[in-house]
């Protein structure tokens, strides 16, 4: 009897890799019915690559090219080819600090997801937790969304709130947001792997889990 193919994830990141580690551990524990097939980074000594190596996950550094905020054409082609060779079903951005454009998003249309440390459309872009604090917001949170050609503009899949507490600093607020991220992101990826997310235009809906009684 042929073994059923497991849903395959490709994770892109530039930093410490805490979300990538949470996702890989959830896969290993069976909470996500998937495997991390590949981890790629645009930073040669990024912690996310060390996290992957510790877990026996294939990982690579790919030079990002000449631009500061996006991949150049050659780098994007290299990332795309690596993801294709790994036969990934979903591209997961986990602290990836480069804007994706062009062919990679076309090749993985509606198959690239990102997590943002705010309740979009509020506070898009960099250091969203600091934006929320500076603005005087009483509530912020996390957003998981599909990636499109804009910056933090793709259809929203899930959001969870995080209160801004009296006396919060950027570091303390960011730490609580990251704690929420490590809960929400694996849950969303698990739902995607199970085929539970449906998208129509900008609207996304969660279908009942076929593995559970409704």
N, C-alpha and C. Protein backbone atom coordinates (compact mmCIF):
# COMPACT_ATOMS: atom_id res chain seq x y z
N UNK A 1 0.84 -1.19 0.00
CA UNK A 1 0.00 0.00 0.00
C UNK A 1 0.88 1.24 0.00
N UNK A 2 0.59 2.17 -0.92
CA UNK A 2 1.42 3.36 -1.05
C UNK A 2 1.18 4.32 0.11
N UNK A 3 2.28 4.80 0.70
CA UNK A 3 2.16 5.73 1.82
C UNK A 3 1.70 7.08 1.31
N UNK A 4 0.74 7.69 2.04
CA UNK A 4 0.21 8.99 1.65
C UNK A 4 1.29 10.06 1.80
N UNK A 5 1.39 10.93 0.78
CA UNK A 5 2.39 11.98 0.80
C UNK A 5 2.05 13.01 1.87
N UNK A 6 3.03 13.38 2.67
CA UNK A 6 2.83 14.36 3.73
C UNK A 6 2.98 15.77 3.16
N UNK A 7 2.11 16.66 3.58
CA UNK A 7 2.14 18.07 3.20
C UNK A 7 3.52 18.64 3.53
N UNK A 8 4.09 19.43 2.61
CA UNK A 8 5.48 19.86 2.75
C UNK A 8 5.55 21.39 2.87
N UNK A 9 6.32 21.84 3.86
CA UNK A 9 6.49 23.26 4.13
C UNK A 9 7.88 23.72 3.75
N UNK A 10 7.97 24.90 3.18
CA UNK A 10 9.25 25.59 2.99
C UNK A 10 9.22 26.86 3.81
N UNK A 11 10.16 27.02 4.72
CA UNK A 11 10.16 28.18 5.63
C UNK A 11 11.30 29.12 5.25
N UNK A 12 10.97 30.41 5.13
CA UNK A 12 11.95 31.46 4.84
C UNK A 12 12.06 32.38 6.04
N UNK A 13 13.28 32.66 6.48
CA UNK A 13 13.47 33.54 7.62
C UNK A 13 14.81 34.23 7.60
N UNK A 14 14.89 35.32 8.36
CA UNK A 14 16.13 36.11 8.42
C UNK A 14 16.71 36.22 9.82
N UNK A 15 15.97 35.76 10.84
CA UNK A 15 16.38 36.02 12.21
C UNK A 15 16.59 34.79 13.06
N UNK A 16 16.16 34.87 14.31
CA UNK A 16 16.45 33.82 15.29
C UNK A 16 15.72 32.51 15.01
N UNK A 17 14.55 32.60 14.40
CA UNK A 17 13.86 31.38 14.01
C UNK A 17 12.94 30.80 15.07
N UNK A 18 12.41 31.63 15.98
CA UNK A 18 11.54 31.09 17.03
C UNK A 18 10.24 30.55 16.46
N UNK A 19 9.66 31.24 15.49
CA UNK A 19 8.44 30.74 14.87
C UNK A 19 8.72 29.48 14.05
N UNK A 20 9.83 29.46 13.34
CA UNK A 20 10.19 28.27 12.56
C UNK A 20 10.37 27.08 13.48
N UNK A 21 11.00 27.28 14.63
CA UNK A 21 11.19 26.19 15.59
C UNK A 21 9.86 25.68 16.11
N UNK A 22 8.93 26.61 16.42
CA UNK A 22 7.61 26.21 16.91
C UNK A 22 6.86 25.40 15.87
N UNK A 23 6.98 25.81 14.62
CA UNK A 23 6.30 25.09 13.53
C UNK A 23 6.91 23.70 13.34
N UNK A 24 8.25 23.63 13.31
CA UNK A 24 8.91 22.34 13.13
C UNK A 24 8.59 21.40 14.28
N UNK A 25 8.57 21.92 15.49
CA UNK A 25 8.27 21.08 16.65
C UNK A 25 6.83 20.59 16.63
N UNK A 26 5.91 21.46 16.17
CA UNK A 26 4.51 21.05 16.06
C UNK A 26 4.35 19.96 14.99
N UNK A 27 5.12 20.06 13.91
CA UNK A 27 5.10 19.00 12.89
C UNK A 27 5.61 17.69 13.48
N UNK A 28 6.73 17.76 14.18
CA UNK A 28 7.32 16.55 14.76
C UNK A 28 6.40 15.91 15.79
N UNK A 29 5.61 16.73 16.49
CA UNK A 29 4.70 16.21 17.51
C UNK A 29 3.39 15.70 16.93
N UNK A 30 3.18 15.94 15.62
CA UNK A 30 1.94 15.50 14.99
C UNK A 30 0.81 16.50 15.08
N UNK A 31 1.06 17.67 15.68
CA UNK A 31 0.01 18.69 15.78
C UNK A 31 -0.27 19.32 14.42
N UNK A 32 0.73 19.39 13.57
CA UNK A 32 0.57 19.82 12.19
C UNK A 32 0.82 18.60 11.31
N UNK A 33 -0.13 18.21 10.45
CA UNK A 33 0.07 17.05 9.60
C UNK A 33 0.93 17.40 8.38
N UNK A 34 2.19 17.70 8.65
CA UNK A 34 3.10 18.18 7.62
C UNK A 34 4.53 17.94 8.07
N UNK A 35 5.46 18.17 7.16
CA UNK A 35 6.87 18.15 7.51
C UNK A 35 7.53 19.40 6.94
N UNK A 36 8.54 19.90 7.64
CA UNK A 36 9.32 21.01 7.12
C UNK A 36 10.35 20.43 6.16
N UNK A 37 10.14 20.69 4.88
CA UNK A 37 11.00 20.11 3.86
C UNK A 37 12.28 20.92 3.65
N UNK A 38 12.23 22.22 3.96
CA UNK A 38 13.37 23.09 3.67
C UNK A 38 13.25 24.39 4.45
N UNK A 39 14.39 24.87 4.96
CA UNK A 39 14.48 26.21 5.56
C UNK A 39 15.51 27.00 4.77
N UNK A 40 15.13 28.19 4.34
CA UNK A 40 16.03 29.06 3.58
C UNK A 40 16.17 30.40 4.29
N UNK A 41 17.37 30.97 4.21
CA UNK A 41 17.60 32.29 4.81
C UNK A 41 18.44 33.16 3.88
N UNK A 42 18.18 34.46 3.97
CA UNK A 42 18.98 35.44 3.24
C UNK A 42 20.12 35.97 4.09
N UNK A 43 20.27 35.45 5.33
CA UNK A 43 21.33 35.86 6.25
C UNK A 43 22.18 34.64 6.58
N UNK A 44 23.46 34.73 6.29
CA UNK A 44 24.32 33.55 6.33
C UNK A 44 24.40 32.90 7.71
N UNK A 45 24.43 33.72 8.77
CA UNK A 45 24.56 33.18 10.13
C UNK A 45 23.26 33.29 10.93
N UNK A 46 22.14 33.32 10.25
CA UNK A 46 20.85 33.49 10.92
C UNK A 46 20.56 32.33 11.87
N UNK A 47 19.95 32.66 12.99
CA UNK A 47 19.58 31.64 13.97
C UNK A 47 18.63 30.61 13.42
N UNK A 48 17.80 30.99 12.45
CA UNK A 48 16.84 30.05 11.89
C UNK A 48 17.54 28.86 11.24
N UNK A 49 18.72 29.08 10.68
CA UNK A 49 19.47 27.98 10.08
C UNK A 49 19.99 27.02 11.16
N UNK A 50 20.41 27.59 12.28
CA UNK A 50 20.85 26.74 13.40
C UNK A 50 19.68 25.95 13.96
N UNK A 51 18.50 26.59 14.07
CA UNK A 51 17.31 25.88 14.54
C UNK A 51 16.99 24.70 13.63
N UNK A 52 17.13 24.91 12.33
CA UNK A 52 16.86 23.84 11.37
C UNK A 52 17.87 22.70 11.52
N UNK A 53 19.14 23.05 11.65
CA UNK A 53 20.17 22.01 11.78
C UNK A 53 19.94 21.18 13.04
N UNK A 54 19.57 21.83 14.14
CA UNK A 54 19.31 21.11 15.40
C UNK A 54 18.21 20.07 15.24
N UNK A 55 17.29 20.33 14.31
CA UNK A 55 16.14 19.44 14.12
C UNK A 55 16.29 18.53 12.91
N UNK A 56 17.45 18.56 12.29
CA UNK A 56 17.70 17.71 11.13
C UNK A 56 16.94 18.11 9.89
N UNK A 57 16.58 19.40 9.81
CA UNK A 57 15.82 19.90 8.66
C UNK A 57 16.79 20.46 7.63
N UNK A 58 16.67 20.10 6.35
CA UNK A 58 17.54 20.67 5.32
C UNK A 58 17.43 22.20 5.31
N UNK A 59 18.57 22.85 5.23
CA UNK A 59 18.56 24.32 5.28
C UNK A 59 19.68 24.86 4.41
N UNK A 60 19.48 26.10 3.92
CA UNK A 60 20.45 26.74 3.04
C UNK A 60 20.43 28.25 3.24
N UNK A 61 21.60 28.85 3.10
CA UNK A 61 21.72 30.29 2.94
C UNK A 61 21.79 30.59 1.46
N UNK A 62 20.97 31.55 1.01
CA UNK A 62 21.03 32.00 -0.38
C UNK A 62 21.28 33.50 -0.36
N UNK A 63 22.37 33.98 -0.93
CA UNK A 63 22.65 35.42 -0.93
C UNK A 63 21.49 36.20 -1.56
N UNK A 64 21.07 37.30 -0.93
CA UNK A 64 19.89 38.02 -1.40
C UNK A 64 20.13 38.93 -2.59
N UNK A 65 21.39 39.21 -2.88
CA UNK A 65 21.68 40.09 -4.01
C UNK A 65 21.91 41.53 -3.60
N UNK A 66 21.70 42.42 -4.53
CA UNK A 66 22.18 43.80 -4.41
C UNK A 66 21.25 44.73 -3.65
N UNK A 67 20.00 44.34 -3.45
CA UNK A 67 19.03 45.26 -2.84
C UNK A 67 18.94 45.06 -1.34
N UNK A 68 18.52 46.11 -0.63
CA UNK A 68 18.46 46.07 0.84
C UNK A 68 17.16 45.46 1.35
N UNK A 69 16.05 45.69 0.63
CA UNK A 69 14.75 45.29 1.17
C UNK A 69 14.04 44.21 0.35
N UNK A 70 14.64 43.79 -0.74
CA UNK A 70 14.01 42.75 -1.56
C UNK A 70 15.08 41.87 -2.17
N UNK A 71 14.67 40.73 -2.69
CA UNK A 71 15.59 39.85 -3.41
C UNK A 71 15.80 40.38 -4.82
N UNK A 72 17.04 40.31 -5.32
CA UNK A 72 17.22 40.65 -6.73
C UNK A 72 16.76 39.47 -7.59
N UNK A 73 16.74 39.65 -8.88
CA UNK A 73 16.15 38.65 -9.78
C UNK A 73 16.85 37.30 -9.66
N UNK A 74 18.18 37.32 -9.60
CA UNK A 74 18.92 36.06 -9.50
C UNK A 74 18.64 35.36 -8.18
N UNK A 75 18.57 36.13 -7.10
CA UNK A 75 18.29 35.53 -5.79
C UNK A 75 16.88 34.96 -5.74
N UNK A 76 15.91 35.69 -6.28
CA UNK A 76 14.54 35.19 -6.28
C UNK A 76 14.46 33.88 -7.06
N UNK A 77 15.17 33.81 -8.18
CA UNK A 77 15.19 32.58 -8.97
C UNK A 77 15.79 31.44 -8.17
N UNK A 78 16.85 31.72 -7.41
CA UNK A 78 17.49 30.68 -6.60
C UNK A 78 16.56 30.20 -5.49
N UNK A 79 15.87 31.13 -4.84
CA UNK A 79 14.90 30.74 -3.81
C UNK A 79 13.79 29.90 -4.42
N UNK A 80 13.28 30.34 -5.56
CA UNK A 80 12.17 29.63 -6.20
C UNK A 80 12.59 28.22 -6.60
N UNK A 81 13.76 28.08 -7.17
CA UNK A 81 14.22 26.75 -7.60
C UNK A 81 14.42 25.83 -6.41
N UNK A 82 14.95 26.37 -5.31
CA UNK A 82 15.14 25.54 -4.12
C UNK A 82 13.80 25.05 -3.57
N UNK A 83 12.80 25.92 -3.56
CA UNK A 83 11.47 25.53 -3.08
C UNK A 83 10.83 24.51 -4.01
N UNK A 84 11.00 24.70 -5.30
CA UNK A 84 10.45 23.73 -6.25
C UNK A 84 11.11 22.36 -6.12
N UNK A 85 12.43 22.37 -5.97
CA UNK A 85 13.15 21.10 -5.83
C UNK A 85 12.73 20.37 -4.56
N UNK A 86 12.39 21.12 -3.52
CA UNK A 86 11.94 20.50 -2.27
C UNK A 86 10.47 20.10 -2.32
N UNK A 87 9.81 20.44 -3.43
CA UNK A 87 8.40 20.07 -3.66
C UNK A 87 7.49 20.56 -2.53
N UNK A 88 7.67 21.82 -2.16
CA UNK A 88 6.88 22.35 -1.05
C UNK A 88 5.46 22.68 -1.51
N UNK A 89 4.52 22.51 -0.61
CA UNK A 89 3.12 22.84 -0.85
C UNK A 89 2.75 24.22 -0.34
N UNK A 90 3.50 24.69 0.65
CA UNK A 90 3.20 25.98 1.27
C UNK A 90 4.51 26.66 1.65
N UNK A 91 4.63 27.94 1.32
CA UNK A 91 5.80 28.73 1.70
C UNK A 91 5.43 29.55 2.92
N UNK A 92 6.20 29.39 3.99
CA UNK A 92 5.91 30.04 5.27
C UNK A 92 6.99 31.08 5.55
N UNK A 93 6.59 32.34 5.64
CA UNK A 93 7.54 33.40 6.00
C UNK A 93 7.56 33.53 7.51
N UNK A 94 8.74 33.38 8.09
CA UNK A 94 8.90 33.43 9.54
C UNK A 94 10.02 34.41 9.86
N UNK A 95 9.66 35.70 9.90
CA UNK A 95 10.68 36.72 10.12
C UNK A 95 11.57 36.92 8.91
N UNK A 96 11.02 36.76 7.72
CA UNK A 96 11.79 36.98 6.48
C UNK A 96 11.73 38.46 6.15
N UNK A 97 12.87 39.12 6.12
CA UNK A 97 12.92 40.58 6.03
C UNK A 97 13.08 41.10 4.61
N UNK A 98 12.69 40.32 3.64
CA UNK A 98 12.74 40.75 2.25
C UNK A 98 11.33 40.74 1.66
N UNK A 99 11.01 41.77 0.90
CA UNK A 99 9.73 41.82 0.20
C UNK A 99 9.79 40.85 -0.97
N UNK A 100 8.77 40.02 -1.09
CA UNK A 100 8.69 39.09 -2.21
C UNK A 100 7.84 39.70 -3.32
N UNK A 101 8.32 39.54 -4.52
CA UNK A 101 7.60 40.06 -5.69
C UNK A 101 7.69 39.02 -6.80
N UNK A 102 7.08 39.35 -7.90
CA UNK A 102 7.34 38.66 -9.15
C UNK A 102 7.06 37.18 -9.19
N UNK A 103 8.02 36.46 -9.78
CA UNK A 103 7.81 35.08 -10.18
C UNK A 103 7.53 34.16 -9.00
N UNK A 104 8.17 34.38 -7.86
CA UNK A 104 7.96 33.48 -6.73
C UNK A 104 6.51 33.52 -6.26
N UNK A 105 5.93 34.72 -6.17
CA UNK A 105 4.53 34.81 -5.76
C UNK A 105 3.60 34.28 -6.83
N UNK A 106 3.97 34.41 -8.09
CA UNK A 106 3.14 33.83 -9.15
C UNK A 106 3.21 32.31 -9.12
N UNK A 107 4.40 31.79 -8.86
CA UNK A 107 4.56 30.33 -8.84
C UNK A 107 3.84 29.70 -7.65
N UNK A 108 3.76 30.43 -6.54
CA UNK A 108 3.09 29.93 -5.34
C UNK A 108 1.90 30.81 -4.98
N UNK A 109 1.06 31.08 -5.96
CA UNK A 109 -0.11 31.93 -5.75
C UNK A 109 -1.01 31.34 -4.66
N UNK A 110 -1.37 32.18 -3.68
CA UNK A 110 -2.20 31.76 -2.54
C UNK A 110 -1.57 30.61 -1.76
N UNK A 111 -0.25 30.49 -1.86
CA UNK A 111 0.46 29.44 -1.14
C UNK A 111 1.66 30.00 -0.39
N UNK A 112 1.63 31.30 -0.12
CA UNK A 112 2.66 31.95 0.70
C UNK A 112 1.95 32.65 1.84
N UNK A 113 2.38 32.36 3.08
CA UNK A 113 1.75 32.97 4.25
C UNK A 113 2.80 33.69 5.09
N UNK A 114 2.32 34.68 5.83
CA UNK A 114 3.21 35.47 6.68
C UNK A 114 2.49 35.75 8.00
N UNK A 115 3.26 36.01 9.04
CA UNK A 115 2.69 36.46 10.31
C UNK A 115 3.23 37.85 10.61
N UNK A 116 2.31 38.74 11.01
CA UNK A 116 2.68 40.13 11.26
C UNK A 116 2.34 40.47 12.71
N UNK A 117 3.24 41.18 13.40
CA UNK A 117 3.04 41.45 14.83
C UNK A 117 2.16 42.66 15.12
N UNK A 118 0.97 42.67 14.53
CA UNK A 118 -0.04 43.71 14.78
C UNK A 118 -1.36 43.22 14.20
N UNK A 119 -2.41 43.96 14.49
CA UNK A 119 -3.73 43.64 13.93
C UNK A 119 -3.92 44.43 12.64
N UNK A 120 -3.50 43.84 11.53
CA UNK A 120 -3.64 44.51 10.24
C UNK A 120 -5.12 44.81 9.98
N UNK A 121 -5.41 45.92 9.30
CA UNK A 121 -4.48 46.79 8.57
C UNK A 121 -3.76 47.84 9.43
N UNK A 122 -3.92 47.79 10.74
CA UNK A 122 -3.19 48.73 11.59
C UNK A 122 -1.71 48.35 11.66
N UNK A 123 -0.86 49.34 11.65
CA UNK A 123 0.58 49.21 11.88
C UNK A 123 1.26 48.19 10.96
N UNK A 124 1.17 48.38 9.66
CA UNK A 124 1.94 47.53 8.74
C UNK A 124 3.41 47.93 8.77
N UNK A 125 4.24 47.10 8.14
CA UNK A 125 5.65 47.44 8.02
C UNK A 125 6.48 47.02 9.21
N UNK A 126 7.61 47.67 9.39
CA UNK A 126 8.60 47.26 10.38
C UNK A 126 8.24 47.70 11.79
N UNK A 127 8.71 46.91 12.78
CA UNK A 127 8.57 47.22 14.20
C UNK A 127 7.14 47.64 14.55
N UNK A 128 6.19 46.78 14.18
CA UNK A 128 4.78 47.10 14.39
C UNK A 128 4.44 47.24 15.86
N UNK A 129 5.12 46.49 16.74
CA UNK A 129 4.87 46.61 18.17
C UNK A 129 5.27 47.98 18.69
N UNK A 130 6.34 48.52 18.16
CA UNK A 130 6.77 49.87 18.55
C UNK A 130 5.82 50.92 18.00
N UNK A 131 5.33 50.70 16.79
CA UNK A 131 4.33 51.61 16.22
C UNK A 131 3.10 51.67 17.12
N UNK A 132 2.63 50.50 17.57
CA UNK A 132 1.44 50.45 18.41
C UNK A 132 1.67 51.17 19.74
N UNK A 133 2.85 50.96 20.31
CA UNK A 133 3.17 51.60 21.59
C UNK A 133 3.27 53.11 21.43
N UNK A 134 3.96 53.56 20.38
CA UNK A 134 4.12 54.99 20.15
C UNK A 134 2.77 55.67 19.86
N UNK A 135 1.86 54.94 19.25
CA UNK A 135 0.56 55.50 18.89
C UNK A 135 -0.37 55.61 20.11
N UNK A 136 -0.05 54.84 21.15
CA UNK A 136 -0.90 54.82 22.32
C UNK A 136 -2.03 53.81 22.24
N UNK A 137 -1.90 52.81 21.37
CA UNK A 137 -2.92 51.78 21.24
C UNK A 137 -3.06 51.00 22.55
N UNK A 138 -4.28 50.63 22.88
CA UNK A 138 -4.54 49.83 24.07
C UNK A 138 -4.56 48.34 23.75
N UNK A 139 -4.64 48.03 22.47
CA UNK A 139 -4.70 46.63 22.04
C UNK A 139 -3.95 46.48 20.73
N UNK A 140 -3.16 45.44 20.64
CA UNK A 140 -2.52 45.09 19.38
C UNK A 140 -2.66 43.57 19.23
N UNK A 141 -1.75 42.92 18.52
CA UNK A 141 -1.90 41.48 18.37
C UNK A 141 -1.07 40.91 17.25
N UNK A 142 -1.57 39.83 16.66
CA UNK A 142 -0.87 39.18 15.55
C UNK A 142 -1.87 38.89 14.44
N UNK A 143 -1.38 38.89 13.22
CA UNK A 143 -2.18 38.60 12.04
C UNK A 143 -1.44 37.60 11.17
N UNK A 144 -2.11 36.52 10.79
CA UNK A 144 -1.58 35.61 9.78
C UNK A 144 -2.34 35.89 8.49
N UNK A 145 -1.60 36.08 7.41
CA UNK A 145 -2.24 36.46 6.16
C UNK A 145 -1.53 35.83 4.97
N UNK A 146 -2.25 35.69 3.88
CA UNK A 146 -1.63 35.31 2.63
C UNK A 146 -0.81 36.49 2.12
N UNK A 147 0.24 36.21 1.37
CA UNK A 147 1.13 37.24 0.86
C UNK A 147 0.76 37.57 -0.57
N UNK A 148 0.58 38.87 -0.85
CA UNK A 148 0.35 39.31 -2.21
C UNK A 148 1.44 40.32 -2.59
N UNK A 149 1.22 41.08 -3.64
CA UNK A 149 2.26 41.98 -4.15
C UNK A 149 2.46 43.21 -3.28
N UNK A 150 1.56 43.47 -2.34
CA UNK A 150 1.72 44.62 -1.45
C UNK A 150 2.51 44.28 -0.21
N UNK A 151 2.59 45.22 0.71
CA UNK A 151 3.30 45.03 1.98
C UNK A 151 2.26 44.83 3.08
N UNK A 152 2.15 43.62 3.58
CA UNK A 152 1.20 43.27 4.64
C UNK A 152 -0.25 43.55 4.22
N UNK A 153 -0.57 43.27 2.95
CA UNK A 153 -1.90 43.61 2.42
C UNK A 153 -2.71 42.39 2.00
N UNK A 154 -2.17 41.18 2.10
CA UNK A 154 -2.87 40.00 1.62
C UNK A 154 -4.06 39.62 2.48
N UNK A 155 -4.94 38.74 1.97
CA UNK A 155 -6.13 38.32 2.71
C UNK A 155 -5.77 37.77 4.10
N UNK A 156 -6.53 38.19 5.10
CA UNK A 156 -6.27 37.80 6.48
C UNK A 156 -6.87 36.43 6.76
N UNK A 157 -6.07 35.55 7.37
CA UNK A 157 -6.52 34.21 7.72
C UNK A 157 -6.95 34.14 9.17
N UNK A 158 -6.17 34.74 10.06
CA UNK A 158 -6.48 34.68 11.49
C UNK A 158 -5.85 35.86 12.20
N UNK A 159 -6.48 36.30 13.29
CA UNK A 159 -5.95 37.35 14.14
C UNK A 159 -6.22 37.02 15.60
N UNK A 160 -5.28 37.39 16.46
CA UNK A 160 -5.45 37.26 17.90
C UNK A 160 -4.94 38.54 18.55
N UNK A 161 -5.61 38.95 19.62
CA UNK A 161 -5.26 40.21 20.27
C UNK A 161 -4.24 40.01 21.38
N UNK A 162 -3.47 41.06 21.62
CA UNK A 162 -2.52 41.14 22.73
C UNK A 162 -2.69 42.52 23.35
N UNK A 163 -3.02 42.61 24.64
CA UNK A 163 -3.20 43.93 25.25
C UNK A 163 -1.88 44.67 25.41
N UNK A 164 -1.96 45.98 25.30
CA UNK A 164 -0.82 46.84 25.63
C UNK A 164 -0.99 47.24 27.09
N UNK A 165 -0.06 46.85 27.93
CA UNK A 165 -0.18 47.04 29.37
C UNK A 165 0.49 48.33 29.83
N UNK A 166 -0.01 48.93 30.92
CA UNK A 166 0.68 50.10 31.47
C UNK A 166 2.14 49.75 31.80
N UNK A 167 3.04 50.62 31.41
CA UNK A 167 4.45 50.39 31.68
C UNK A 167 5.14 49.52 30.65
N UNK A 168 4.42 49.08 29.61
CA UNK A 168 5.06 48.28 28.56
C UNK A 168 6.20 49.05 27.91
N UNK A 169 7.25 48.33 27.59
CA UNK A 169 8.33 48.82 26.75
C UNK A 169 8.22 48.11 25.40
N UNK A 170 8.92 48.59 24.38
CA UNK A 170 8.90 47.85 23.12
C UNK A 170 9.31 46.39 23.30
N UNK A 171 10.30 46.14 24.14
CA UNK A 171 10.76 44.76 24.34
C UNK A 171 9.72 43.89 25.04
N UNK A 172 9.07 44.42 26.08
CA UNK A 172 8.10 43.61 26.82
C UNK A 172 6.87 43.33 25.98
N UNK A 173 6.41 44.31 25.22
CA UNK A 173 5.26 44.10 24.34
C UNK A 173 5.60 43.13 23.23
N UNK A 174 6.78 43.29 22.65
CA UNK A 174 7.20 42.40 21.57
C UNK A 174 7.29 40.95 22.06
N UNK A 175 7.78 40.76 23.28
CA UNK A 175 7.91 39.41 23.82
C UNK A 175 6.55 38.73 23.95
N UNK A 176 5.52 39.47 24.39
CA UNK A 176 4.18 38.88 24.52
C UNK A 176 3.56 38.61 23.15
N UNK A 177 3.84 39.50 22.21
CA UNK A 177 3.36 39.26 20.84
C UNK A 177 4.00 38.01 20.26
N UNK A 178 5.30 37.84 20.47
CA UNK A 178 5.98 36.65 19.96
C UNK A 178 5.45 35.37 20.60
N UNK A 179 5.11 35.44 21.87
CA UNK A 179 4.52 34.28 22.54
C UNK A 179 3.19 33.89 21.87
N UNK A 180 2.39 34.89 21.53
CA UNK A 180 1.13 34.62 20.84
C UNK A 180 1.39 34.08 19.43
N UNK A 181 2.40 34.62 18.76
CA UNK A 181 2.74 34.14 17.42
C UNK A 181 3.01 32.64 17.41
N UNK A 182 3.75 32.18 18.42
CA UNK A 182 4.15 30.77 18.47
C UNK A 182 2.96 29.84 18.72
N UNK A 183 1.83 30.40 19.14
CA UNK A 183 0.60 29.62 19.28
C UNK A 183 -0.24 29.68 18.01
N UNK A 184 -0.39 30.89 17.47
CA UNK A 184 -1.31 31.10 16.35
C UNK A 184 -0.76 30.52 15.04
N UNK A 185 0.52 30.75 14.76
CA UNK A 185 1.07 30.35 13.46
C UNK A 185 0.98 28.83 13.25
N UNK A 186 1.42 28.00 14.19
CA UNK A 186 1.26 26.55 13.98
C UNK A 186 -0.20 26.14 13.79
N UNK A 187 -1.12 26.78 14.51
CA UNK A 187 -2.53 26.43 14.37
C UNK A 187 -3.03 26.73 12.96
N UNK A 188 -2.64 27.87 12.42
CA UNK A 188 -3.07 28.24 11.07
C UNK A 188 -2.45 27.31 10.03
N UNK A 189 -1.17 27.01 10.19
CA UNK A 189 -0.51 26.13 9.23
C UNK A 189 -1.11 24.73 9.28
N UNK A 190 -1.46 24.28 10.48
CA UNK A 190 -2.14 23.00 10.59
C UNK A 190 -3.46 23.00 9.85
N UNK A 191 -4.22 24.10 9.96
CA UNK A 191 -5.49 24.20 9.25
C UNK A 191 -5.29 24.22 7.73
N UNK A 192 -4.26 24.91 7.29
CA UNK A 192 -3.95 24.92 5.86
C UNK A 192 -3.55 23.53 5.36
N UNK A 193 -2.75 22.84 6.14
CA UNK A 193 -2.32 21.50 5.76
C UNK A 193 -3.50 20.54 5.68
N UNK A 194 -4.52 20.78 6.50
CA UNK A 194 -5.71 19.93 6.50
C UNK A 194 -6.74 20.37 5.46
N UNK A 195 -6.45 21.43 4.72
CA UNK A 195 -7.39 21.91 3.71
C UNK A 195 -8.59 22.62 4.28
N UNK A 196 -8.45 23.22 5.46
CA UNK A 196 -9.59 23.83 6.14
C UNK A 196 -9.81 25.29 5.79
N UNK A 197 -8.87 25.92 5.08
CA UNK A 197 -8.99 27.34 4.78
C UNK A 197 -9.48 27.52 3.35
N UNK A 198 -10.56 28.27 3.20
CA UNK A 198 -11.12 28.59 1.89
C UNK A 198 -11.01 30.10 1.69
N UNK A 199 -10.68 30.51 0.46
CA UNK A 199 -10.51 31.92 0.16
C UNK A 199 -11.35 32.30 -1.04
N UNK A 200 -12.08 33.41 -0.90
CA UNK A 200 -12.84 33.98 -2.00
C UNK A 200 -12.61 35.48 -1.97
N UNK A 201 -11.85 35.97 -2.95
CA UNK A 201 -11.46 37.37 -2.92
C UNK A 201 -10.61 37.63 -1.69
N UNK A 202 -11.01 38.61 -0.88
CA UNK A 202 -10.28 38.91 0.34
C UNK A 202 -10.84 38.17 1.55
N UNK A 203 -11.89 37.42 1.36
CA UNK A 203 -12.53 36.73 2.48
C UNK A 203 -11.98 35.31 2.64
N UNK A 204 -11.60 34.97 3.85
CA UNK A 204 -11.18 33.60 4.15
C UNK A 204 -12.13 33.01 5.18
N UNK A 205 -12.40 31.73 5.05
CA UNK A 205 -13.26 31.03 6.01
C UNK A 205 -12.59 29.73 6.43
N UNK A 206 -12.85 29.35 7.67
CA UNK A 206 -12.34 28.10 8.23
C UNK A 206 -13.44 27.04 8.13
N UNK A 207 -13.12 25.94 7.48
CA UNK A 207 -14.05 24.83 7.37
C UNK A 207 -13.90 23.91 8.58
N UNK A 208 -14.95 23.11 8.91
CA UNK A 208 -14.82 22.16 10.00
C UNK A 208 -13.66 21.20 9.79
N UNK A 209 -13.04 20.82 10.86
CA UNK A 209 -11.92 19.87 10.79
C UNK A 209 -12.47 18.48 10.46
N UNK A 210 -12.09 17.93 9.29
CA UNK A 210 -12.61 16.61 8.93
C UNK A 210 -12.18 15.50 9.88
N UNK A 211 -11.15 15.77 10.67
CA UNK A 211 -10.69 14.75 11.61
C UNK A 211 -11.40 14.78 12.94
N UNK A 212 -12.36 15.73 13.10
CA UNK A 212 -13.07 15.83 14.37
C UNK A 212 -14.58 15.82 14.13
N UNK A 213 -15.32 15.39 15.09
CA UNK A 213 -16.77 15.44 15.00
C UNK A 213 -17.22 16.90 15.08
N UNK A 214 -18.25 17.22 14.31
CA UNK A 214 -18.75 18.60 14.31
C UNK A 214 -20.11 18.64 14.98
